[in-house]
Amino acid sequence: MKKLAKGFIHIYTGNGKGKTTAAIGQAVRAAGAGLKTYIAQFMKEYPYSELESLKLLKDFVEVEQFCGDDFVYKRQLPDESEIKKASDGLNIAKVKMLSGYYDIIILDEVIVAIYFKLLNLNQIIEFIDSKPESVELILTGRYCPDELISKADLVTEMKEIKHYYSKGIKSRKGIEA
């Protein structure tokens, strides 16, 4: 399989819906071209529907989840075990990125993991700086610091203009979950 000649850095950020959806859409498109994607999901330990879909592309897409987000809903700081899971996940993603096997690496919700102190900004900058030339790297999550934006080649901000959550509608399986 031919590798990408040049891999770019994408950031999908903002308070609107669609960051993970855009990243997974890129993985699906890449699979259609025979490219391989590794997805590390942070702050997600729930069996989201996209995981079932991506199992159908198992020859092209691998997904792993690292650390949960229960502490957010409890209005607490993450405990040491969650911080360790996030850090271990980032290390695993780096090994995958450097393996030469994957064309695209997606760090889903990694930016919000910085915001909630599961990871620190320097860890992510070091990760970006170690990216091989031929690997496409996608980072998602709200609250993107300027330091990451300056390292990216493409930044898309999802902006919420109107959302039915504000009317009390819960997430629906297959649409938001």
N, C-alpha and C. Protein backbone atom coordinates (compact mmCIF):
# COMPACT_ATOMS: atom_id res chain seq x y z
N MET A 1 0.85 -1.19 0.00
CA MET A 1 0.00 0.00 0.00
C MET A 1 0.88 1.24 0.00
N LYS A 2 0.54 2.16 -0.82
CA LYS A 2 1.28 3.41 -0.92
C LYS A 2 0.99 4.30 0.28
N LYS A 3 2.03 4.84 0.87
CA LYS A 3 1.90 5.76 2.00
C LYS A 3 1.60 7.16 1.48
N LEU A 4 1.08 7.99 2.37
CA LEU A 4 0.90 9.40 2.04
C LEU A 4 2.27 10.04 1.88
N ALA A 5 2.44 10.85 0.87
CA ALA A 5 3.72 11.54 0.68
C ALA A 5 3.93 12.57 1.79
N LYS A 6 2.86 13.23 2.17
CA LYS A 6 2.93 14.26 3.21
C LYS A 6 1.68 14.13 4.06
N GLY A 7 1.87 14.03 5.36
CA GLY A 7 0.75 13.99 6.29
C GLY A 7 0.60 15.34 6.97
N PHE A 8 -0.61 15.78 7.12
CA PHE A 8 -0.90 17.07 7.74
C PHE A 8 -1.50 16.89 9.12
N ILE A 9 -1.60 17.99 9.85
CA ILE A 9 -2.17 18.00 11.20
C ILE A 9 -3.49 18.74 11.15
N HIS A 10 -4.56 18.05 11.54
CA HIS A 10 -5.90 18.63 11.57
C HIS A 10 -6.32 18.82 13.03
N ILE A 11 -7.08 19.86 13.28
CA ILE A 11 -7.74 20.05 14.57
C ILE A 11 -9.21 20.34 14.30
N TYR A 12 -10.09 19.56 14.96
CA TYR A 12 -11.52 19.81 14.92
C TYR A 12 -11.92 20.20 16.33
N THR A 13 -12.30 21.44 16.52
CA THR A 13 -12.56 21.97 17.85
C THR A 13 -13.87 22.76 17.86
N GLY A 14 -14.18 23.40 18.97
CA GLY A 14 -15.37 24.22 19.08
C GLY A 14 -16.44 23.58 19.95
N ASN A 15 -17.49 24.35 20.21
CA ASN A 15 -18.55 23.88 21.11
C ASN A 15 -19.69 23.20 20.37
N GLY A 16 -19.59 23.04 19.06
CA GLY A 16 -20.65 22.43 18.29
C GLY A 16 -20.47 20.93 18.10
N LYS A 17 -21.55 20.28 17.69
CA LYS A 17 -21.56 18.85 17.44
C LYS A 17 -20.80 18.56 16.15
N GLY A 18 -20.08 17.45 16.11
CA GLY A 18 -19.51 17.00 14.85
C GLY A 18 -18.02 16.77 14.81
N LYS A 19 -17.32 17.00 15.91
CA LYS A 19 -15.86 16.85 15.90
C LYS A 19 -15.46 15.39 15.71
N THR A 20 -15.99 14.52 16.53
CA THR A 20 -15.71 13.09 16.41
C THR A 20 -16.26 12.56 15.09
N THR A 21 -17.45 13.01 14.73
CA THR A 21 -18.08 12.57 13.48
C THR A 21 -17.20 12.90 12.28
N ALA A 22 -16.63 14.10 12.26
CA ALA A 22 -15.74 14.50 11.16
C ALA A 22 -14.49 13.62 11.13
N ALA A 23 -13.93 13.36 12.29
CA ALA A 23 -12.71 12.55 12.35
C ALA A 23 -12.99 11.12 11.88
N ILE A 24 -14.10 10.55 12.33
CA ILE A 24 -14.45 9.20 11.92
C ILE A 24 -14.80 9.16 10.43
N GLY A 25 -15.44 10.20 9.95
CA GLY A 25 -15.70 10.30 8.52
C GLY A 25 -14.42 10.26 7.71
N GLN A 26 -13.38 10.91 8.21
CA GLN A 26 -12.08 10.88 7.53
C GLN A 26 -11.50 9.47 7.54
N ALA A 27 -11.67 8.75 8.65
CA ALA A 27 -11.19 7.37 8.73
C ALA A 27 -11.93 6.48 7.73
N VAL A 28 -13.23 6.68 7.60
CA VAL A 28 -14.03 5.89 6.66
C VAL A 28 -13.60 6.20 5.22
N ARG A 29 -13.42 7.48 4.91
CA ARG A 29 -12.96 7.87 3.58
C ARG A 29 -11.59 7.24 3.29
N ALA A 30 -10.70 7.29 4.27
CA ALA A 30 -9.36 6.74 4.10
C ALA A 30 -9.41 5.24 3.86
N ALA A 31 -10.30 4.54 4.57
CA ALA A 31 -10.45 3.10 4.38
C ALA A 31 -10.84 2.79 2.94
N GLY A 32 -11.68 3.63 2.37
CA GLY A 32 -12.07 3.45 0.97
C GLY A 32 -10.90 3.56 0.01
N ALA A 33 -9.84 4.23 0.43
CA ALA A 33 -8.63 4.37 -0.38
C ALA A 33 -7.54 3.38 0.04
N GLY A 34 -7.90 2.47 0.96
CA GLY A 34 -6.94 1.47 1.41
C GLY A 34 -5.98 1.94 2.48
N LEU A 35 -6.23 3.12 3.06
CA LEU A 35 -5.37 3.65 4.12
C LEU A 35 -5.80 3.10 5.48
N LYS A 36 -4.86 2.99 6.39
CA LYS A 36 -5.13 2.44 7.72
C LYS A 36 -5.12 3.56 8.76
N THR A 37 -6.11 3.48 9.67
CA THR A 37 -6.29 4.51 10.70
C THR A 37 -6.30 3.88 12.08
N TYR A 38 -5.63 4.55 13.01
CA TYR A 38 -5.70 4.19 14.43
C TYR A 38 -6.40 5.34 15.15
N ILE A 39 -7.42 5.01 15.94
CA ILE A 39 -8.17 6.01 16.71
C ILE A 39 -8.01 5.73 18.19
N ALA A 40 -7.48 6.71 18.92
CA ALA A 40 -7.41 6.66 20.38
C ALA A 40 -8.47 7.62 20.89
N GLN A 41 -9.45 7.09 21.63
CA GLN A 41 -10.51 7.93 22.19
C GLN A 41 -10.23 8.17 23.66
N PHE A 42 -10.22 9.44 24.03
CA PHE A 42 -10.01 9.84 25.41
C PHE A 42 -11.34 10.32 25.98
N MET A 43 -11.53 10.07 27.27
CA MET A 43 -12.74 10.49 27.99
C MET A 43 -13.99 9.82 27.43
N LYS A 44 -13.81 8.64 26.86
CA LYS A 44 -14.94 7.89 26.32
C LYS A 44 -14.74 6.43 26.67
N GLU A 45 -15.56 5.93 27.57
CA GLU A 45 -15.53 4.49 27.87
C GLU A 45 -16.90 3.87 27.61
N TYR A 46 -17.75 4.62 26.97
CA TYR A 46 -19.11 4.20 26.64
C TYR A 46 -19.08 3.51 25.28
N PRO A 47 -19.90 2.48 25.08
CA PRO A 47 -19.90 1.80 23.78
C PRO A 47 -20.69 2.59 22.72
N TYR A 48 -20.12 3.68 22.26
CA TYR A 48 -20.78 4.52 21.26
C TYR A 48 -21.03 3.72 19.98
N SER A 49 -22.10 4.07 19.27
CA SER A 49 -22.50 3.33 18.07
C SER A 49 -21.43 3.29 16.99
N GLU A 50 -20.61 4.35 16.91
CA GLU A 50 -19.58 4.35 15.87
C GLU A 50 -18.59 3.20 16.04
N LEU A 51 -18.44 2.71 17.27
CA LEU A 51 -17.53 1.58 17.49
C LEU A 51 -18.03 0.34 16.77
N GLU A 52 -19.35 0.14 16.77
CA GLU A 52 -19.93 -1.00 16.05
C GLU A 52 -19.73 -0.85 14.55
N SER A 53 -19.95 0.35 14.04
CA SER A 53 -19.75 0.60 12.60
C SER A 53 -18.31 0.34 12.20
N LEU A 54 -17.39 0.82 13.01
CA LEU A 54 -15.97 0.70 12.66
C LEU A 54 -15.47 -0.74 12.72
N LYS A 55 -16.18 -1.60 13.46
CA LYS A 55 -15.82 -3.02 13.46
C LYS A 55 -15.94 -3.61 12.06
N LEU A 56 -16.84 -3.04 11.25
CA LEU A 56 -17.01 -3.51 9.88
C LEU A 56 -15.80 -3.16 9.01
N LEU A 57 -15.01 -2.21 9.48
CA LEU A 57 -13.80 -1.78 8.76
C LEU A 57 -12.53 -2.22 9.49
N LYS A 58 -12.63 -3.32 10.24
CA LYS A 58 -11.54 -3.73 11.13
C LYS A 58 -10.21 -3.95 10.42
N ASP A 59 -10.24 -4.20 9.13
CA ASP A 59 -8.98 -4.36 8.39
C ASP A 59 -8.30 -3.02 8.12
N PHE A 60 -9.04 -1.93 8.34
CA PHE A 60 -8.52 -0.59 8.04
C PHE A 60 -8.52 0.37 9.23
N VAL A 61 -9.38 0.11 10.21
CA VAL A 61 -9.53 1.04 11.33
C VAL A 61 -9.45 0.28 12.65
N GLU A 62 -8.59 0.75 13.54
CA GLU A 62 -8.49 0.20 14.90
C GLU A 62 -8.85 1.31 15.87
N VAL A 63 -9.68 0.98 16.87
CA VAL A 63 -10.11 1.96 17.87
C VAL A 63 -9.84 1.41 19.26
N GLU A 64 -9.28 2.27 20.12
CA GLU A 64 -9.12 1.94 21.54
C GLU A 64 -9.60 3.13 22.36
N GLN A 65 -10.20 2.83 23.50
CA GLN A 65 -10.68 3.88 24.41
C GLN A 65 -9.81 3.91 25.66
N PHE A 66 -9.50 5.13 26.09
CA PHE A 66 -8.65 5.32 27.27
C PHE A 66 -9.29 6.36 28.19
N CYS A 67 -9.57 5.99 29.38
CA CYS A 67 -10.09 6.84 30.46
C CYS A 67 -11.51 7.30 30.21
N GLY A 68 -12.22 7.48 31.31
CA GLY A 68 -13.61 7.91 31.23
C GLY A 68 -13.77 9.38 31.55
N ASP A 69 -15.03 9.77 31.71
CA ASP A 69 -15.33 11.17 32.02
C ASP A 69 -16.30 11.32 33.18
N ASP A 70 -16.44 10.26 33.99
CA ASP A 70 -17.36 10.33 35.13
C ASP A 70 -17.03 11.47 36.08
N PHE A 71 -15.75 11.76 36.24
CA PHE A 71 -15.34 12.82 37.16
C PHE A 71 -15.91 14.17 36.76
N VAL A 72 -16.14 14.39 35.47
CA VAL A 72 -16.70 15.66 34.99
C VAL A 72 -18.11 15.83 35.54
N TYR A 73 -18.91 14.77 35.44
CA TYR A 73 -20.30 14.84 35.89
C TYR A 73 -20.41 14.91 37.40
N LYS A 74 -19.40 14.40 38.08
CA LYS A 74 -19.37 14.49 39.55
C LYS A 74 -18.75 15.80 40.01
N ARG A 75 -18.33 16.63 39.03
CA ARG A 75 -17.69 17.93 39.31
C ARG A 75 -16.46 17.76 40.20
N GLN A 76 -15.64 16.79 39.82
CA GLN A 76 -14.41 16.50 40.54
C GLN A 76 -13.23 16.58 39.57
N LEU A 77 -12.05 16.63 40.12
CA LEU A 77 -10.85 16.50 39.31
C LEU A 77 -10.65 15.02 39.00
N PRO A 78 -9.98 14.68 37.91
CA PRO A 78 -9.73 13.27 37.64
C PRO A 78 -8.80 12.68 38.69
N ASP A 79 -9.01 11.41 39.02
CA ASP A 79 -8.11 10.78 39.98
C ASP A 79 -6.88 10.24 39.25
N GLU A 80 -5.92 9.80 40.02
CA GLU A 80 -4.64 9.35 39.45
C GLU A 80 -4.82 8.19 38.47
N SER A 81 -5.79 7.32 38.72
CA SER A 81 -5.97 6.18 37.81
C SER A 81 -6.45 6.64 36.44
N GLU A 82 -7.32 7.65 36.39
CA GLU A 82 -7.78 8.18 35.10
C GLU A 82 -6.64 8.91 34.38
N ILE A 83 -5.84 9.65 35.12
CA ILE A 83 -4.69 10.35 34.53
C ILE A 83 -3.71 9.34 33.94
N LYS A 84 -3.49 8.25 34.67
CA LYS A 84 -2.58 7.20 34.19
C LYS A 84 -3.14 6.54 32.93
N LYS A 85 -4.44 6.26 32.91
CA LYS A 85 -5.05 5.64 31.73
C LYS A 85 -4.89 6.55 30.51
N ALA A 86 -5.09 7.85 30.71
CA ALA A 86 -4.95 8.80 29.59
C ALA A 86 -3.51 8.85 29.10
N SER A 87 -2.57 8.92 30.03
CA SER A 87 -1.15 8.98 29.68
C SER A 87 -0.71 7.69 28.99
N ASP A 88 -1.15 6.56 29.51
CA ASP A 88 -0.84 5.27 28.88
C ASP A 88 -1.43 5.22 27.47
N GLY A 89 -2.65 5.73 27.32
CA GLY A 89 -3.29 5.76 26.01
C GLY A 89 -2.52 6.59 25.01
N LEU A 90 -2.03 7.74 25.46
CA LEU A 90 -1.24 8.59 24.58
C LEU A 90 0.06 7.89 24.17
N ASN A 91 0.67 7.19 25.11
CA ASN A 91 1.89 6.44 24.80
C ASN A 91 1.63 5.32 23.80
N ILE A 92 0.50 4.63 23.97
CA ILE A 92 0.13 3.57 23.02
C ILE A 92 -0.09 4.17 21.63
N ALA A 93 -0.79 5.30 21.59
CA ALA A 93 -1.04 5.96 20.30
C ALA A 93 0.27 6.37 19.63
N LYS A 94 1.23 6.80 20.43
CA LYS A 94 2.53 7.19 19.87
C LYS A 94 3.25 5.99 19.27
N VAL A 95 3.21 4.87 19.97
CA VAL A 95 3.82 3.64 19.44
C VAL A 95 3.16 3.27 18.11
N LYS A 96 1.84 3.35 18.07
CA LYS A 96 1.11 3.04 16.83
C LYS A 96 1.52 4.00 15.72
N MET A 97 1.64 5.29 16.05
CA MET A 97 2.00 6.31 15.06
C MET A 97 3.40 6.05 14.49
N LEU A 98 4.32 5.65 15.35
CA LEU A 98 5.71 5.45 14.93
C LEU A 98 5.95 4.08 14.30
N SER A 99 4.94 3.20 14.35
CA SER A 99 5.10 1.83 13.85
C SER A 99 5.27 1.74 12.33
N GLY A 100 4.80 2.75 11.62
CA GLY A 100 4.83 2.71 10.17
C GLY A 100 3.66 1.97 9.55
N TYR A 101 2.79 1.40 10.37
CA TYR A 101 1.64 0.63 9.88
C TYR A 101 0.46 1.53 9.53
N TYR A 102 0.27 2.60 10.30
CA TYR A 102 -0.92 3.45 10.15
C TYR A 102 -0.61 4.70 9.34
N ASP A 103 -1.57 5.08 8.51
CA ASP A 103 -1.48 6.29 7.70
C ASP A 103 -2.07 7.49 8.43
N ILE A 104 -3.07 7.23 9.25
CA ILE A 104 -3.78 8.29 9.97
C ILE A 104 -3.87 7.91 11.44
N ILE A 105 -3.60 8.89 12.29
CA ILE A 105 -3.77 8.73 13.73
C ILE A 105 -4.79 9.77 14.17
N ILE A 106 -5.82 9.32 14.88
CA ILE A 106 -6.84 10.23 15.41
C ILE A 106 -6.78 10.17 16.93
N LEU A 107 -6.59 11.33 17.54
CA LEU A 107 -6.65 11.46 19.00
C LEU A 107 -7.97 12.16 19.32
N ASP A 108 -9.00 11.35 19.52
CA ASP A 108 -10.35 11.87 19.71
C ASP A 108 -10.54 12.36 21.14
N GLU A 109 -11.00 13.58 21.27
CA GLU A 109 -11.23 14.27 22.55
C GLU A 109 -9.94 14.50 23.34
N VAL A 110 -8.81 14.44 22.68
CA VAL A 110 -7.54 14.68 23.38
C VAL A 110 -7.43 16.13 23.84
N ILE A 111 -8.03 17.05 23.09
CA ILE A 111 -7.93 18.47 23.46
C ILE A 111 -8.72 18.75 24.73
N VAL A 112 -9.88 18.18 24.84
CA VAL A 112 -10.67 18.37 26.06
C VAL A 112 -10.02 17.62 27.23
N ALA A 113 -9.27 16.56 26.94
CA ALA A 113 -8.52 15.86 27.99
C ALA A 113 -7.45 16.77 28.60
N ILE A 114 -6.89 17.66 27.79
CA ILE A 114 -5.95 18.66 28.33
C ILE A 114 -6.69 19.61 29.25
N TYR A 115 -7.83 20.08 28.79
CA TYR A 115 -8.63 21.04 29.56
C TYR A 115 -8.98 20.48 30.94
N PHE A 116 -9.31 19.18 31.00
CA PHE A 116 -9.70 18.56 32.26
C PHE A 116 -8.52 17.95 33.02
N LYS A 117 -7.30 18.24 32.58
CA LYS A 117 -6.07 17.89 33.29
C LYS A 117 -5.78 16.39 33.33
N LEU A 118 -6.31 15.66 32.34
CA LEU A 118 -5.93 14.26 32.20
C LEU A 118 -4.57 14.15 31.53
N LEU A 119 -4.30 15.08 30.64
CA LEU A 119 -3.02 15.17 29.93
C LEU A 119 -2.58 16.62 30.01
N ASN A 120 -1.30 16.86 29.76
CA ASN A 120 -0.87 18.26 29.74
C ASN A 120 -0.46 18.66 28.32
N LEU A 121 -0.48 19.93 28.09
CA LEU A 121 -0.21 20.47 26.76
C LEU A 121 1.14 20.01 26.21
N ASN A 122 2.16 19.97 27.06
CA ASN A 122 3.49 19.56 26.60
C ASN A 122 3.50 18.13 26.07
N GLN A 123 2.70 17.25 26.68
CA GLN A 123 2.62 15.87 26.18
C GLN A 123 2.11 15.85 24.74
N ILE A 124 1.12 16.69 24.46
CA ILE A 124 0.53 16.70 23.12
C ILE A 124 1.48 17.36 22.12
N ILE A 125 2.15 18.42 22.54
CA ILE A 125 3.13 19.07 21.66
C ILE A 125 4.25 18.09 21.31
N GLU A 126 4.73 17.34 22.29
CA GLU A 126 5.77 16.33 22.04
C GLU A 126 5.26 15.25 21.08
N PHE A 127 4.00 14.87 21.25
CA PHE A 127 3.40 13.88 20.35
C PHE A 127 3.40 14.41 18.92
N ILE A 128 2.91 15.63 18.76
CA ILE A 128 2.86 16.26 17.42
C ILE A 128 4.26 16.35 16.82
N ASP A 129 5.21 16.77 17.63
CA ASP A 129 6.58 16.95 17.13
C ASP A 129 7.24 15.63 16.72
N SER A 130 6.72 14.50 17.21
CA SER A 130 7.30 13.20 16.85
C SER A 130 6.58 12.56 15.65
N LYS A 131 5.61 13.25 15.08
CA LYS A 131 4.84 12.71 13.96
C LYS A 131 5.73 12.49 12.74
N PRO A 132 5.72 11.27 12.20
CA PRO A 132 6.45 11.05 10.95
C PRO A 132 5.84 11.87 9.81
N GLU A 133 6.65 12.20 8.84
CA GLU A 133 6.24 13.06 7.72
C GLU A 133 5.02 12.51 6.97
N SER A 134 4.92 11.19 6.85
CA SER A 134 3.86 10.58 6.03
C SER A 134 2.58 10.28 6.80
N VAL A 135 2.50 10.63 8.07
CA VAL A 135 1.31 10.33 8.89
C VAL A 135 0.42 11.56 8.99
N GLU A 136 -0.87 11.35 8.74
CA GLU A 136 -1.89 12.38 8.94
C GLU A 136 -2.31 12.28 10.40
N LEU A 137 -2.39 13.40 11.10
CA LEU A 137 -2.73 13.42 12.52
C LEU A 137 -3.95 14.31 12.73
N ILE A 138 -4.97 13.76 13.40
CA ILE A 138 -6.20 14.50 13.67
C ILE A 138 -6.43 14.53 15.17
N LEU A 139 -6.61 15.74 15.71
CA LEU A 139 -6.92 15.94 17.12
C LEU A 139 -8.31 16.56 17.22
N THR A 140 -9.12 16.07 18.16
CA THR A 140 -10.45 16.65 18.34
C THR A 140 -10.64 17.07 19.79
N GLY A 141 -11.60 17.95 19.99
CA GLY A 141 -12.01 18.36 21.33
C GLY A 141 -12.19 19.86 21.46
N ARG A 142 -13.04 20.22 22.39
CA ARG A 142 -13.28 21.63 22.71
C ARG A 142 -12.07 22.24 23.40
N TYR A 143 -12.10 23.55 23.53
CA TYR A 143 -11.13 24.31 24.33
C TYR A 143 -9.70 24.19 23.79
N CYS A 144 -9.53 24.31 22.51
CA CYS A 144 -8.19 24.13 21.92
C CYS A 144 -7.29 25.32 22.25
N PRO A 145 -6.13 25.05 22.86
CA PRO A 145 -5.19 26.14 23.15
C PRO A 145 -4.51 26.64 21.88
N ASP A 146 -4.15 27.90 21.89
CA ASP A 146 -3.49 28.52 20.74
C ASP A 146 -2.21 27.80 20.34
N GLU A 147 -1.51 27.23 21.31
CA GLU A 147 -0.26 26.52 21.01
C GLU A 147 -0.49 25.34 20.07
N LEU A 148 -1.64 24.69 20.18
CA LEU A 148 -1.94 23.58 19.27
C LEU A 148 -2.40 24.11 17.92
N ILE A 149 -3.21 25.15 17.94
CA ILE A 149 -3.68 25.75 16.68
C ILE A 149 -2.49 26.17 15.83
N SER A 150 -1.47 26.73 16.45
CA SER A 150 -0.31 27.19 15.69
C SER A 150 0.47 26.02 15.06
N LYS A 151 0.34 24.82 15.59
CA LYS A 151 1.05 23.65 15.06
C LYS A 151 0.26 22.96 13.94
N ALA A 152 -1.02 23.27 13.84
CA ALA A 152 -1.89 22.58 12.88
C ALA A 152 -1.79 23.17 11.48
N ASP A 153 -2.09 22.32 10.50
CA ASP A 153 -2.18 22.76 9.11
C ASP A 153 -3.62 23.09 8.74
N LEU A 154 -4.57 22.50 9.44
CA LEU A 154 -5.99 22.69 9.18
C LEU A 154 -6.70 22.75 10.52
N VAL A 155 -7.48 23.79 10.74
CA VAL A 155 -8.26 23.91 11.97
C VAL A 155 -9.69 24.22 11.58
N THR A 156 -10.61 23.38 12.06
CA THR A 156 -12.03 23.60 11.83
C THR A 156 -12.69 23.79 13.19
N GLU A 157 -13.45 24.87 13.31
CA GLU A 157 -14.19 25.12 14.55
C GLU A 157 -15.66 24.82 14.32
N MET A 158 -16.16 23.82 15.05
CA MET A 158 -17.58 23.50 15.02
C MET A 158 -18.27 24.47 15.98
N LYS A 159 -19.18 25.25 15.48
CA LYS A 159 -19.85 26.26 16.30
C LYS A 159 -21.31 25.89 16.46
N GLU A 160 -21.74 25.78 17.71
CA GLU A 160 -23.15 25.50 17.96
C GLU A 160 -23.95 26.78 17.76
N ILE A 161 -24.90 26.71 16.87
CA ILE A 161 -25.82 27.82 16.65
C ILE A 161 -27.16 27.49 17.28
N LYS A 162 -27.57 26.23 17.13
CA LYS A 162 -28.83 25.78 17.72
C LYS A 162 -28.70 24.28 17.95
N HIS A 163 -29.17 23.81 19.09
CA HIS A 163 -29.08 22.38 19.40
C HIS A 163 -30.28 21.99 20.25
N TYR A 164 -30.85 20.84 19.96
CA TYR A 164 -32.02 20.38 20.71
C TYR A 164 -31.69 19.94 22.13
N TYR A 165 -30.41 19.80 22.49
CA TYR A 165 -30.05 19.53 23.89
C TYR A 165 -30.62 20.62 24.79
N SER A 166 -30.62 21.85 24.31
CA SER A 166 -31.10 22.97 25.13
C SER A 166 -32.59 22.84 25.43
N LYS A 167 -33.29 21.98 24.71
CA LYS A 167 -34.70 21.71 24.99
C LYS A 167 -34.87 20.46 25.84
N GLY A 168 -33.75 19.93 26.35
CA GLY A 168 -33.82 18.76 27.22
C GLY A 168 -33.79 17.43 26.49
N ILE A 169 -33.56 17.43 25.20
CA ILE A 169 -33.49 16.18 24.43
C ILE A 169 -32.19 15.46 24.79
N LYS A 170 -32.29 14.22 25.19
CA LYS A 170 -31.12 13.42 25.55
C LYS A 170 -30.46 12.86 24.29
N SER A 171 -29.21 12.42 24.44
CA SER A 171 -28.51 11.84 23.29
C SER A 171 -29.22 10.55 22.87
N ARG A 172 -29.26 10.34 21.56
CA ARG A 172 -29.98 9.21 20.99
C ARG A 172 -28.99 8.24 20.36
N LYS A 173 -29.21 6.95 20.63
CA LYS A 173 -28.33 5.92 20.09
C LYS A 173 -28.37 5.98 18.56
N GLY A 174 -27.19 6.00 17.98
CA GLY A 174 -27.08 6.04 16.53
C GLY A 174 -27.00 7.45 15.96
N ILE A 175 -27.32 8.46 16.76
CA ILE A 175 -27.23 9.85 16.31
C ILE A 175 -26.15 10.58 17.11
N GLU A 176 -26.30 10.64 18.42
CA GLU A 176 -25.28 11.28 19.28
C GLU A 176 -24.48 10.26 20.09
N ALA A 177 -24.96 9.05 20.20
CA ALA A 177 -24.30 8.05 21.05
C ALA A 177 -24.21 6.71 20.35
